[in-house]
Amino acid sequence: MAWQEPERRFLARRSSNGGAAFVATCRISRMRRIRRRIVSEHPKGEMDVKFKAFVERITWYSLGIVAIDADVSYEQRLRADAVGSGTACTWKGHSLILTAEHVIGDTQPDRLAFLLRVDDALNWEGIDKPAKVVQRVPLPIKTIVRDKKNDLAAIVLRSDLLTNLRMQFCELPKQLKRGRTVRSKGSLILHGFPKDQQYAISERRISNSSIRQLVAQPIILPVTIAGPPSTPLSSHYDPDRDVLVHYEPPRDLNMKPHGFSGAVVWCQRSRQSGRIWTPSPMMFGLQTRAYLTSKLLQIVDALTIRNFLKESF
């Protein structure tokens, strides 16, 4: 199953009460299918329907992570929210948010907030429909487990307090992919909150410094696996642990990869039981690092994620 050039944008606005807000209006550019033989009894638009169903499913798992006032610039005397990406998962009865360790760093649980989905279905019709606004919300955090060596973190939640929240949890290890390859080019999807799609909605001064509150536009981005690097990468890259993918954002966005950190890379399950196709996202890996010159993203593979969770719980 392959997709090419899907694009999803959320338009940020300030809410009526002045807090941080996210608007559920999205714009999807025309999706083109990669030319390949498809033996199917379904109509011609089947691939677009499948893509939409797949995106709807992973959007329930994906969320933004806000480290409140964690981005500090001493030169500009500025303190701002730091926004990264995460995924809601379950593992052996634990409810958790999986992300990159550097997204949260040393931030304490009471200084973390989250950006959840705002509606039962994405607005695939464009920006003319009325937008719904959602506030960033706290979640009941029990503890945080960190693996600095592999740049992984699990924000463990109190399951008994997770009620009336617009989020779903992917089931691990059931939805962890085995292996580091995919059957078709273009079948990997990344969902995250790039920094170039984050905007200040409020700023207040305290003493001689400013505090800035941000909103963000989550983006769906197709990625493809890259070959071995032609030039040496940093010491953070481990070919036995990491997969490299090409970073090719839409040209009109001029978007750097910062902020995708912690986002999961998804693929569709290669084999399904039954005759009826259903979206079955599998966690291929988690984005931890970007190489701007090479236009590559570094993805910690699913096996490393599995080992991290096995050792932690």
C-alpha atoms as a PDB file:
ATOM      1  CA  MET A   1       0.000   0.000   0.000  1.00  0.00           C
ATOM      2  CA  ALA A   2       1.583   3.295  -1.054  1.00  0.00           C
ATOM      3  CA  TRP A   3       0.594   6.926  -0.783  1.00  0.00           C
ATOM      4  CA  GLN A   4       2.192  10.040  -2.176  1.00  0.00           C
ATOM      5  CA  GLU A   5       1.928  13.729  -1.325  1.00  0.00           C
ATOM      6  CA  PRO A   6      -0.743  13.772   1.351  1.00  0.00           C
ATOM      7  CA  GLU A   7      -0.740  16.974   3.365  1.00  0.00           C
ATOM      8  CA  ARG A   8      -2.632  17.893   6.504  1.00  0.00           C
ATOM      9  CA  ARG A   9      -2.521  21.297   8.176  1.00  0.00           C
ATOM     10  CA  PHE A  10      -4.197  22.537  11.278  1.00  0.00           C
ATOM     11  CA  LEU A  11      -4.739  26.293  11.460  1.00  0.00           C
ATOM     12  CA  ALA A  12      -3.969  27.799  14.839  1.00  0.00           C
ATOM     13  CA  ARG A  13      -6.139  30.516  16.351  1.00  0.00           C
ATOM     14  CA  ARG A  14      -6.489  32.092  19.697  1.00  0.00           C
ATOM     15  CA  SER A  15      -9.471  30.873  21.686  1.00  0.00           C
ATOM     16  CA  SER A  16     -12.093  33.172  23.166  1.00  0.00           C
ATOM     17  CA  ASN A  17     -10.669  32.901  26.668  1.00  0.00           C
ATOM     18  CA  GLY A  18      -7.133  33.714  25.559  1.00  0.00           C
ATOM     19  CA  GLY A  19      -5.443  30.384  26.273  1.00  0.00           C
ATOM     20  CA  ALA A  20      -3.364  28.207  24.000  1.00  0.00           C
ATOM     21  CA  ALA A  21      -5.601  26.750  21.305  1.00  0.00           C
ATOM     22  CA  PHE A  22      -5.598  24.461  18.289  1.00  0.00           C
ATOM     23  CA  VAL A  23      -8.092  24.612  15.451  1.00  0.00           C
ATOM     24  CA  ALA A  24      -9.388  21.435  13.816  1.00  0.00           C
ATOM     25  CA  THR A  25      -9.521  22.769  10.274  1.00  0.00           C
ATOM     26  CA  CYS A  26      -7.282  20.840   7.898  1.00  0.00           C
ATOM     27  CA  ARG A  27      -6.438  21.147   4.225  1.00  0.00           C
ATOM     28  CA  ILE A  28      -5.586  18.055   2.250  1.00  0.00           C
ATOM     29  CA  SER A  29      -3.891  18.535  -1.058  1.00  0.00           C
ATOM     30  CA  ARG A  30      -4.739  16.227  -3.936  1.00  0.00           C
ATOM     31  CA  MET A  31      -3.319  12.758  -3.237  1.00  0.00           C
ATOM     32  CA  ARG A  32      -1.749  10.899  -6.139  1.00  0.00           C
ATOM     33  CA  ARG A  33      -1.302   7.163  -6.207  1.00  0.00           C
ATOM     34  CA  ILE A  34       2.072   5.715  -7.118  1.00  0.00           C
ATOM     35  CA  ARG A  35       1.647   3.957 -10.448  1.00  0.00           C
ATOM     36  CA  ARG A  36       1.563   0.233  -9.739  1.00  0.00           C
ATOM     37  CA  ARG A  37      -0.653  -2.712 -10.523  1.00  0.00           C
ATOM     38  CA  ILE A  38      -3.404  -3.163  -7.925  1.00  0.00           C
ATOM     39  CA  VAL A  39      -5.570  -6.267  -8.113  1.00  0.00           C
ATOM     40  CA  SER A  40      -8.798  -5.206  -6.406  1.00  0.00           C
ATOM     41  CA  GLU A  41     -12.575  -5.347  -6.693  1.00  0.00           C
ATOM     42  CA  HIS A  42     -12.836  -1.841  -5.207  1.00  0.00           C
ATOM     43  CA  PRO A  43     -13.462   1.343  -7.237  1.00  0.00           C
ATOM     44  CA  LYS A  44     -10.733   3.588  -8.567  1.00  0.00           C
ATOM     45  CA  GLY A  45     -10.700   5.862  -5.502  1.00  0.00           C
ATOM     46  CA  GLU A  46      -9.909   3.006  -3.122  1.00  0.00           C
ATOM     47  CA  MET A  47      -6.372   4.194  -2.315  1.00  0.00           C
ATOM     48  CA  ASP A  48      -7.572   7.669  -1.307  1.00  0.00           C
ATOM     49  CA  VAL A  49     -10.270   6.134   0.897  1.00  0.00           C
ATOM     50  CA  LYS A  50      -7.715   3.853   2.541  1.00  0.00           C
ATOM     51  CA  PHE A  51      -5.299   6.704   3.094  1.00  0.00           C
ATOM     52  CA  LYS A  52      -7.963   8.812   4.777  1.00  0.00           C
ATOM     53  CA  ALA A  53      -9.041   5.925   6.992  1.00  0.00           C
ATOM     54  CA  PHE A  54      -5.412   5.281   7.954  1.00  0.00           C
ATOM     55  CA  VAL A  55      -4.781   8.959   8.803  1.00  0.00           C
ATOM     56  CA  GLU A  56      -7.978   9.131  10.864  1.00  0.00           C
ATOM     57  CA  ARG A  57      -6.770   6.195  12.944  1.00  0.00           C
ATOM     58  CA  ILE A  58      -3.241   7.452  13.680  1.00  0.00           C
ATOM     59  CA  THR A  59      -4.580  10.919  14.500  1.00  0.00           C
ATOM     60  CA  TRP A  60      -6.390   9.371  17.467  1.00  0.00           C
ATOM     61  CA  TYR A  61      -3.037   8.104  18.787  1.00  0.00           C
ATOM     62  CA  SER A  62      -0.927  11.179  18.023  1.00  0.00           C
ATOM     63  CA  LEU A  63      -0.684  14.248  20.229  1.00  0.00           C
ATOM     64  CA  GLY A  64       1.443  17.291  20.911  1.00  0.00           C
ATOM     65  CA  ILE A  65       3.590  17.601  24.038  1.00  0.00           C
ATOM     66  CA  VAL A  66       4.052  21.069  25.511  1.00  0.00           C
ATOM     67  CA  ALA A  67       6.930  21.678  27.919  1.00  0.00           C
ATOM     68  CA  ILE A  68       5.662  24.898  29.466  1.00  0.00           C
ATOM     69  CA  ASP A  69       8.167  27.789  29.365  1.00  0.00           C
ATOM     70  CA  ALA A  70      10.980  25.290  28.664  1.00  0.00           C
ATOM     71  CA  ASP A  71      12.566  27.017  25.652  1.00  0.00           C
ATOM     72  CA  VAL A  72      14.846  29.697  27.108  1.00  0.00           C
ATOM     73  CA  SER A  73      16.855  32.320  25.220  1.00  0.00           C
ATOM     74  CA  TYR A  74      19.063  34.286  27.592  1.00  0.00           C
ATOM     75  CA  GLU A  75      20.257  36.605  24.820  1.00  0.00           C
ATOM     76  CA  GLN A  76      16.690  37.619  23.918  1.00  0.00           C
ATOM     77  CA  ARG A  77      15.511  37.391  27.537  1.00  0.00           C
ATOM     78  CA  LEU A  78      12.730  35.154  26.286  1.00  0.00           C
ATOM     79  CA  ARG A  79      11.062  32.057  27.706  1.00  0.00           C
ATOM     80  CA  ALA A  80       8.635  30.112  25.487  1.00  0.00           C
ATOM     81  CA  ASP A  81       6.775  26.825  25.400  1.00  0.00           C
ATOM     82  CA  ALA A  82       8.620  23.963  23.716  1.00  0.00           C
ATOM     83  CA  VAL A  83       6.313  21.802  21.583  1.00  0.00           C
ATOM     84  CA  GLY A  84       7.168  18.262  20.491  1.00  0.00           C
ATOM     85  CA  SER A  85       5.351  15.120  19.422  1.00  0.00           C
ATOM     86  CA  GLY A  86       4.154  11.980  21.174  1.00  0.00           C
ATOM     87  CA  THR A  87       1.957   8.903  20.831  1.00  0.00           C
ATOM     88  CA  ALA A  88      -0.539   7.361  23.234  1.00  0.00           C
ATOM     89  CA  CYS A  89       0.138   3.653  23.818  1.00  0.00           C
ATOM     90  CA  THR A  90      -0.601   0.807  26.197  1.00  0.00           C
ATOM     91  CA  TRP A  91       2.003  -1.700  27.357  1.00  0.00           C
ATOM     92  CA  LYS A  92       1.216  -4.557  29.761  1.00  0.00           C
ATOM     93  CA  GLY A  93      -1.663  -2.666  31.346  1.00  0.00           C
ATOM     94  CA  HIS A  94       0.180   0.666  31.549  1.00  0.00           C
ATOM     95  CA  SER A  95      -1.144   3.742  29.722  1.00  0.00           C
ATOM     96  CA  LEU A  96       1.673   5.952  28.469  1.00  0.00           C
ATOM     97  CA  ILE A  97       2.821   8.640  26.063  1.00  0.00           C
ATOM     98  CA  LEU A  98       5.817   7.526  24.020  1.00  0.00           C
ATOM     99  CA  THR A  99       8.192  10.263  22.856  1.00  0.00           C
ATOM    100  CA  ALA A 100      11.858  11.200  22.470  1.00  0.00           C
ATOM    101  CA  GLU A 101      13.653  11.851  25.748  1.00  0.00           C
ATOM    102  CA  HIS A 102      15.011  15.201  24.640  1.00  0.00           C
ATOM    103  CA  VAL A 103      11.463  16.473  23.952  1.00  0.00           C
ATOM    104  CA  ILE A 104      10.755  16.592  27.690  1.00  0.00           C
ATOM    105  CA  GLY A 105      14.313  16.696  29.071  1.00  0.00           C
ATOM    106  CA  ASP A 106      14.222  17.536  32.752  1.00  0.00           C
ATOM    107  CA  THR A 107      10.730  19.058  32.633  1.00  0.00           C
ATOM    108  CA  GLN A 108       8.703  18.098  35.687  1.00  0.00           C
ATOM    109  CA  PRO A 109       5.294  16.421  35.196  1.00  0.00           C
ATOM    110  CA  ASP A 110       3.384  19.468  36.416  1.00  0.00           C
ATOM    111  CA  ARG A 111       5.013  21.547  33.653  1.00  0.00           C
ATOM    112  CA  LEU A 112       3.793  19.303  30.831  1.00  0.00           C
ATOM    113  CA  ALA A 113       0.593  19.793  28.852  1.00  0.00           C
ATOM    114  CA  PHE A 114      -0.821  17.975  25.837  1.00  0.00           C
ATOM    115  CA  LEU A 115      -2.603  18.748  22.569  1.00  0.00           C
ATOM    116  CA  LEU A 116      -5.338  16.251  21.798  1.00  0.00           C
ATOM    117  CA  ARG A 117      -7.607  15.643  18.856  1.00  0.00           C
ATOM    118  CA  VAL A 118     -10.597  17.978  18.632  1.00  0.00           C
ATOM    119  CA  ASP A 119     -13.290  16.099  16.719  1.00  0.00           C
ATOM    120  CA  ASP A 120     -14.542  12.649  15.737  1.00  0.00           C
ATOM    121  CA  ALA A 121     -13.447  13.132  12.130  1.00  0.00           C
ATOM    122  CA  LEU A 122     -10.946  15.331  10.313  1.00  0.00           C
ATOM    123  CA  ASN A 123     -12.231  18.100   8.087  1.00  0.00           C
ATOM    124  CA  TRP A 124     -11.250  16.809   4.653  1.00  0.00           C
ATOM    125  CA  GLU A 125     -13.283  19.441   2.809  1.00  0.00           C
ATOM    126  CA  GLY A 126     -10.926  22.391   3.271  1.00  0.00           C
ATOM    127  CA  ILE A 127     -10.751  25.542   5.377  1.00  0.00           C
ATOM    128  CA  ASP A 128     -14.223  26.912   4.634  1.00  0.00           C
ATOM    129  CA  LYS A 129     -15.989  24.816   7.257  1.00  0.00           C
ATOM    130  CA  PRO A 130     -16.360  26.160  10.813  1.00  0.00           C
ATOM    131  CA  ALA A 131     -13.314  25.431  12.978  1.00  0.00           C
ATOM    132  CA  LYS A 132     -13.385  23.939  16.442  1.00  0.00           C
ATOM    133  CA  VAL A 133     -10.904  25.031  19.081  1.00  0.00           C
ATOM    134  CA  VAL A 134      -9.362  22.912  21.833  1.00  0.00           C
ATOM    135  CA  GLN A 135      -7.212  23.990  24.762  1.00  0.00           C
ATOM    136  CA  ARG A 136      -3.992  22.279  25.699  1.00  0.00           C
ATOM    137  CA  VAL A 137      -4.811  20.005  28.612  1.00  0.00           C
ATOM    138  CA  PRO A 138      -2.944  18.418  31.520  1.00  0.00           C
ATOM    139  CA  LEU A 139      -2.944  14.632  31.844  1.00  0.00           C
ATOM    140  CA  PRO A 140      -2.665  12.648  35.096  1.00  0.00           C
ATOM    141  CA  ILE A 141       1.042  11.719  35.058  1.00  0.00           C
ATOM    142  CA  LYS A 142       2.175   8.932  37.358  1.00  0.00           C
ATOM    143  CA  THR A 143       5.882   8.907  36.504  1.00  0.00           C
ATOM    144  CA  ILE A 144       8.298   9.408  33.606  1.00  0.00           C
ATOM    145  CA  VAL A 145      10.689   6.683  32.449  1.00  0.00           C
ATOM    146  CA  ARG A 146      13.732   7.880  30.502  1.00  0.00           C
ATOM    147  CA  ASP A 147      16.338   6.200  28.308  1.00  0.00           C
ATOM    148  CA  LYS A 148      18.868   8.904  27.469  1.00  0.00           C
ATOM    149  CA  LYS A 149      21.160   6.530  25.569  1.00  0.00           C
ATOM    150  CA  ASN A 150      18.495   5.732  22.964  1.00  0.00           C
ATOM    151  CA  ASP A 151      16.644   9.064  23.359  1.00  0.00           C
ATOM    152  CA  LEU A 152      13.354   7.457  24.383  1.00  0.00           C
ATOM    153  CA  ALA A 153      10.882   8.354  27.113  1.00  0.00           C
ATOM    154  CA  ALA A 154       7.568   7.005  28.388  1.00  0.00           C
ATOM    155  CA  ILE A 155       5.260   9.383  30.223  1.00  0.00           C
ATOM    156  CA  VAL A 156       3.245   6.951  32.359  1.00  0.00           C
ATOM    157  CA  LEU A 157      -0.348   8.027  33.020  1.00  0.00           C
ATOM    158  CA  ARG A 158      -2.813   7.135  35.746  1.00  0.00           C
ATOM    159  CA  SER A 159      -5.254   4.949  33.858  1.00  0.00           C
ATOM    160  CA  ASP A 160      -8.001   5.340  36.460  1.00  0.00           C
ATOM    161  CA  LEU A 161      -8.153   9.101  35.794  1.00  0.00           C
ATOM    162  CA  LEU A 162      -8.238   8.959  31.988  1.00  0.00           C
ATOM    163  CA  THR A 163     -11.887   9.784  31.362  1.00  0.00           C
ATOM    164  CA  ASN A 164     -13.659  11.957  28.778  1.00  0.00           C
ATOM    165  CA  LEU A 165     -10.456  12.628  26.827  1.00  0.00           C
ATOM    166  CA  ARG A 166     -10.240  12.793  23.049  1.00  0.00           C
ATOM    167  CA  MET A 167      -7.489  10.222  22.654  1.00  0.00           C
ATOM    168  CA  GLN A 168      -7.061   6.532  21.921  1.00  0.00           C
ATOM    169  CA  PHE A 169      -4.166   4.234  22.766  1.00  0.00           C
ATOM    170  CA  CYS A 170      -2.391   1.979  20.295  1.00  0.00           C
ATOM    171  CA  GLU A 171      -1.764  -1.488  21.691  1.00  0.00           C
ATOM    172  CA  LEU A 172       1.857  -2.477  22.175  1.00  0.00           C
ATOM    173  CA  PRO A 173       3.519  -4.822  21.454  1.00  0.00           C
ATOM    174  CA  LYS A 174       0.661  -5.844  19.125  1.00  0.00           C
ATOM    175  CA  GLN A 175       1.153  -2.733  16.966  1.00  0.00           C
ATOM    176  CA  LEU A 176       4.954  -2.771  16.966  1.00  0.00           C
ATOM    177  CA  LYS A 177       6.310  -3.701  13.560  1.00  0.00           C
ATOM    178  CA  ARG A 178       8.810  -6.520  13.266  1.00  0.00           C
ATOM    179  CA  GLY A 179      11.620  -5.747  10.864  1.00  0.00           C
ATOM    180  CA  ARG A 180      13.065  -2.571   9.339  1.00  0.00           C
ATOM    181  CA  THR A 181      11.738  -2.761   5.785  1.00  0.00           C
ATOM    182  CA  VAL A 182       8.427  -2.052   4.047  1.00  0.00           C
ATOM    183  CA  ARG A 183       6.928  -3.629   0.967  1.00  0.00           C
ATOM    184  CA  SER A 184       6.240  -0.496  -1.058  1.00  0.00           C
ATOM    185  CA  LYS A 185       7.820   2.915  -1.451  1.00  0.00           C
ATOM    186  CA  GLY A 186       5.868   5.748   0.116  1.00  0.00           C
ATOM    187  CA  SER A 187       4.071   3.575   2.674  1.00  0.00           C
ATOM    188  CA  LEU A 188       5.561   5.297   5.763  1.00  0.00           C
ATOM    189  CA  ILE A 189       3.684   8.192   7.368  1.00  0.00           C
ATOM    190  CA  LEU A 190       5.000  10.673   9.955  1.00  0.00           C
ATOM    191  CA  HIS A 191       2.675  12.809  12.104  1.00  0.00           C
ATOM    192  CA  GLY A 192       4.187  15.619  14.181  1.00  0.00           C
ATOM    193  CA  PHE A 193       4.332  19.254  15.263  1.00  0.00           C
ATOM    194  CA  PRO A 194       7.184  20.976  13.355  1.00  0.00           C
ATOM    195  CA  LYS A 195       8.565  24.120  14.936  1.00  0.00           C
ATOM    196  CA  ASP A 196       8.103  26.198  11.784  1.00  0.00           C
ATOM    197  CA  GLN A 197       4.364  25.581  12.126  1.00  0.00           C
ATOM    198  CA  GLN A 198       4.251  26.945  15.696  1.00  0.00           C
ATOM    199  CA  TYR A 199       3.076  30.485  16.406  1.00  0.00           C
ATOM    200  CA  ALA A 200       2.966  32.789  19.412  1.00  0.00           C
ATOM    201  CA  ILE A 201      -0.544  33.700  20.550  1.00  0.00           C
ATOM    202  CA  SER A 202       0.316  35.564  23.724  1.00  0.00           C
ATOM    203  CA  GLU A 203       3.312  37.197  25.363  1.00  0.00           C
ATOM    204  CA  ARG A 204       3.673  38.689  28.809  1.00  0.00           C
ATOM    205  CA  ARG A 205       6.562  40.389  30.538  1.00  0.00           C
ATOM    206  CA  ILE A 206       7.882  39.448  33.947  1.00  0.00           C
ATOM    207  CA  SER A 207      10.691  41.606  35.296  1.00  0.00           C
ATOM    208  CA  ASN A 208      13.179  42.011  32.421  1.00  0.00           C
ATOM    209  CA  SER A 209      12.116  38.996  30.392  1.00  0.00           C
ATOM    210  CA  SER A 210       9.203  37.866  28.182  1.00  0.00           C
ATOM    211  CA  ILE A 211       7.159  34.656  28.364  1.00  0.00           C
ATOM    212  CA  ARG A 212       5.598  33.493  25.106  1.00  0.00           C
ATOM    213  CA  GLN A 213       2.774  30.971  24.662  1.00  0.00           C
ATOM    214  CA  LEU A 214       2.646  28.962  21.432  1.00  0.00           C
ATOM    215  CA  VAL A 215       0.195  27.139  19.222  1.00  0.00           C
ATOM    216  CA  ALA A 216       1.114  24.654  16.487  1.00  0.00           C
ATOM    217  CA  GLN A 217      -0.062  23.096  13.228  1.00  0.00           C
ATOM    218  CA  PRO A 218       0.344  19.299  13.187  1.00  0.00           C
ATOM    219  CA  ILE A 219       1.453  17.912   9.846  1.00  0.00           C
ATOM    220  CA  ILE A 220       1.100  14.544   8.119  1.00  0.00           C
ATOM    221  CA  LEU A 221       4.221  13.793   6.074  1.00  0.00           C
ATOM    222  CA  PRO A 222       5.033  10.751   3.891  1.00  0.00           C
ATOM    223  CA  VAL A 223       8.635   9.550   4.204  1.00  0.00           C
ATOM    224  CA  THR A 224      10.748   6.971   2.402  1.00  0.00           C
ATOM    225  CA  ILE A 225      13.640   4.875   3.665  1.00  0.00           C
ATOM    226  CA  ALA A 226      17.077   6.187   2.699  1.00  0.00           C
ATOM    227  CA  GLY A 227      20.155   4.181   1.862  1.00  0.00           C
ATOM    228  CA  PRO A 228      23.407   4.260   3.856  1.00  0.00           C
ATOM    229  CA  PRO A 229      24.669   7.832   4.334  1.00  0.00           C
ATOM    230  CA  SER A 230      27.183   9.008   1.741  1.00  0.00           C
ATOM    231  CA  THR A 231      29.038  11.031   4.380  1.00  0.00           C
ATOM    232  CA  PRO A 232      29.573  10.212   8.069  1.00  0.00           C
ATOM    233  CA  LEU A 233      26.793  11.372  10.392  1.00  0.00           C
ATOM    234  CA  SER A 234      27.146  12.314  14.036  1.00  0.00           C
ATOM    235  CA  SER A 235      28.049   9.854  16.781  1.00  0.00           C
ATOM    236  CA  HIS A 236      24.355   9.794  17.720  1.00  0.00           C
ATOM    237  CA  TYR A 237      23.626   7.651  14.663  1.00  0.00           C
ATOM    238  CA  ASP A 238      23.788   3.891  15.244  1.00  0.00           C
ATOM    239  CA  PRO A 239      23.111   1.854  12.079  1.00  0.00           C
ATOM    240  CA  ASP A 240      22.192  -1.197  14.181  1.00  0.00           C
ATOM    241  CA  ARG A 241      19.490   0.804  16.004  1.00  0.00           C
ATOM    242  CA  ASP A 242      18.435   3.573  13.633  1.00  0.00           C
ATOM    243  CA  VAL A 243      16.743   3.771  10.247  1.00  0.00           C
ATOM    244  CA  LEU A 244      17.266   6.838   8.070  1.00  0.00           C
ATOM    245  CA  VAL A 245      14.412   8.324   6.056  1.00  0.00           C
ATOM    246  CA  HIS A 246      14.348  11.170   3.558  1.00  0.00           C
ATOM    247  CA  TYR A 247      12.963  14.483   4.782  1.00  0.00           C
ATOM    248  CA  GLU A 248      10.991  16.043   1.903  1.00  0.00           C
ATOM    249  CA  PRO A 249       8.364  18.493   3.193  1.00  0.00           C
ATOM    250  CA  PRO A 250       5.984  20.361   0.860  1.00  0.00           C
ATOM    251  CA  ARG A 251       7.917  23.095  -0.937  1.00  0.00           C
ATOM    252  CA  ASP A 252       5.488  25.847  -0.035  1.00  0.00           C
ATOM    253  CA  LEU A 253       5.988  25.305   3.691  1.00  0.00           C
ATOM    254  CA  ASN A 254       9.781  25.805   3.761  1.00  0.00           C
ATOM    255  CA  MET A 255       9.630  23.721   6.921  1.00  0.00           C
ATOM    256  CA  LYS A 256      12.591  22.551   9.002  1.00  0.00           C
ATOM    257  CA  PRO A 257      12.215  19.224  10.849  1.00  0.00           C
ATOM    258  CA  HIS A 258      12.591  20.577  14.390  1.00  0.00           C
ATOM    259  CA  GLY A 259       9.480  19.670  16.364  1.00  0.00           C
ATOM    260  CA  PHE A 260       8.902  16.302  14.698  1.00  0.00           C
ATOM    261  CA  SER A 261      11.066  14.804  17.451  1.00  0.00           C
ATOM    262  CA  GLY A 262       9.134  12.156  19.341  1.00  0.00           C
ATOM    263  CA  ALA A 263       6.736  11.512  16.452  1.00  0.00           C
ATOM    264  CA  VAL A 264       6.056   7.927  15.453  1.00  0.00           C
ATOM    265  CA  VAL A 265       6.571   6.739  11.886  1.00  0.00           C
ATOM    266  CA  TRP A 266       3.652   4.509  10.887  1.00  0.00           C
ATOM    267  CA  CYS A 267       3.018   1.866   8.252  1.00  0.00           C
ATOM    268  CA  GLN A 268       0.023  -0.322   7.421  1.00  0.00           C
ATOM    269  CA  ARG A 269       0.121  -3.935   8.620  1.00  0.00           C
ATOM    270  CA  SER A 270       1.372  -5.979   5.676  1.00  0.00           C
ATOM    271  CA  ARG A 271      -0.922  -8.950   6.242  1.00  0.00           C
ATOM    272  CA  GLN A 272      -4.481  -8.880   7.523  1.00  0.00           C
ATOM    273  CA  SER A 273      -6.921 -11.583   8.477  1.00  0.00           C
ATOM    274  CA  GLY A 274     -10.293 -11.489   6.782  1.00  0.00           C
ATOM    275  CA  ARG A 275     -11.389 -10.245   3.381  1.00  0.00           C
ATOM    276  CA  ILE A 276     -12.374  -6.701   4.388  1.00  0.00           C
ATOM    277  CA  TRP A 277      -9.567  -4.132   4.567  1.00  0.00           C
ATOM    278  CA  THR A 278      -9.373  -2.066   7.745  1.00  0.00           C
ATOM    279  CA  PRO A 279      -6.731   0.493   8.809  1.00  0.00           C
ATOM    280  CA  SER A 280      -4.190  -1.307  10.973  1.00  0.00           C
ATOM    281  CA  PRO A 281      -1.323   1.081  11.786  1.00  0.00           C
ATOM    282  CA  MET A 282       1.966  -0.449  12.878  1.00  0.00           C
ATOM    283  CA  MET A 283       4.671   1.489  14.699  1.00  0.00           C
ATOM    284  CA  PHE A 284       7.744   1.410  12.450  1.00  0.00           C
ATOM    285  CA  GLY A 285       9.894   3.618  14.676  1.00  0.00           C
ATOM    286  CA  LEU A 286      10.193   6.963  16.440  1.00  0.00           C
ATOM    287  CA  GLN A 287      11.928  10.099  15.143  1.00  0.00           C
ATOM    288  CA  THR A 288      14.758  11.345  17.354  1.00  0.00           C
ATOM    289  CA  ARG A 289      17.174  13.371  15.255  1.00  0.00           C
ATOM    290  CA  ALA A 290      17.465  15.370  12.022  1.00  0.00           C
ATOM    291  CA  TYR A 291      20.394  16.012   9.684  1.00  0.00           C
ATOM    292  CA  LEU A 292      19.687  19.222   7.812  1.00  0.00           C
ATOM    293  CA  THR A 293      22.536  19.049   5.297  1.00  0.00           C
ATOM    294  CA  SER A 294      21.722  15.483   4.285  1.00  0.00           C
ATOM    295  CA  LYS A 295      17.947  16.065   4.557  1.00  0.00           C
ATOM    296  CA  LEU A 296      17.568  12.918   6.627  1.00  0.00           C
ATOM    297  CA  LEU A 297      15.612  11.992   9.724  1.00  0.00           C
ATOM    298  CA  GLN A 298      16.881   9.439  12.209  1.00  0.00           C
ATOM    299  CA  ILE A 299      14.317   6.867  13.342  1.00  0.00           C
ATOM    300  CA  VAL A 300      14.832   4.579  16.344  1.00  0.00           C
ATOM    301  CA  ASP A 301      13.512   1.213  15.185  1.00  0.00           C
ATOM    302  CA  ALA A 302      10.614  -0.722  16.699  1.00  0.00           C
ATOM    303  CA  LEU A 303      12.912  -3.377  18.213  1.00  0.00           C
ATOM    304  CA  THR A 304      14.692  -0.734  20.302  1.00  0.00           C
ATOM    305  CA  ILE A 305      11.314   0.618  21.436  1.00  0.00           C
ATOM    306  CA  ARG A 306      10.228  -2.909  22.369  1.00  0.00           C
ATOM    307  CA  ASN A 307      13.400  -3.503  24.415  1.00  0.00           C
ATOM    308  CA  PHE A 308      13.045  -0.117  26.166  1.00  0.00           C
ATOM    309  CA  LEU A 309       9.492  -0.923  27.244  1.00  0.00           C
ATOM    310  CA  LYS A 310      10.340  -4.497  28.270  1.00  0.00           C
ATOM    311  CA  GLU A 311      13.160  -3.277  30.500  1.00  0.00           C
ATOM    312  CA  SER A 312      11.077  -0.432  31.956  1.00  0.00           C
ATOM    313  CA  PHE A 313       7.877  -2.302  32.913  1.00  0.00           C
END
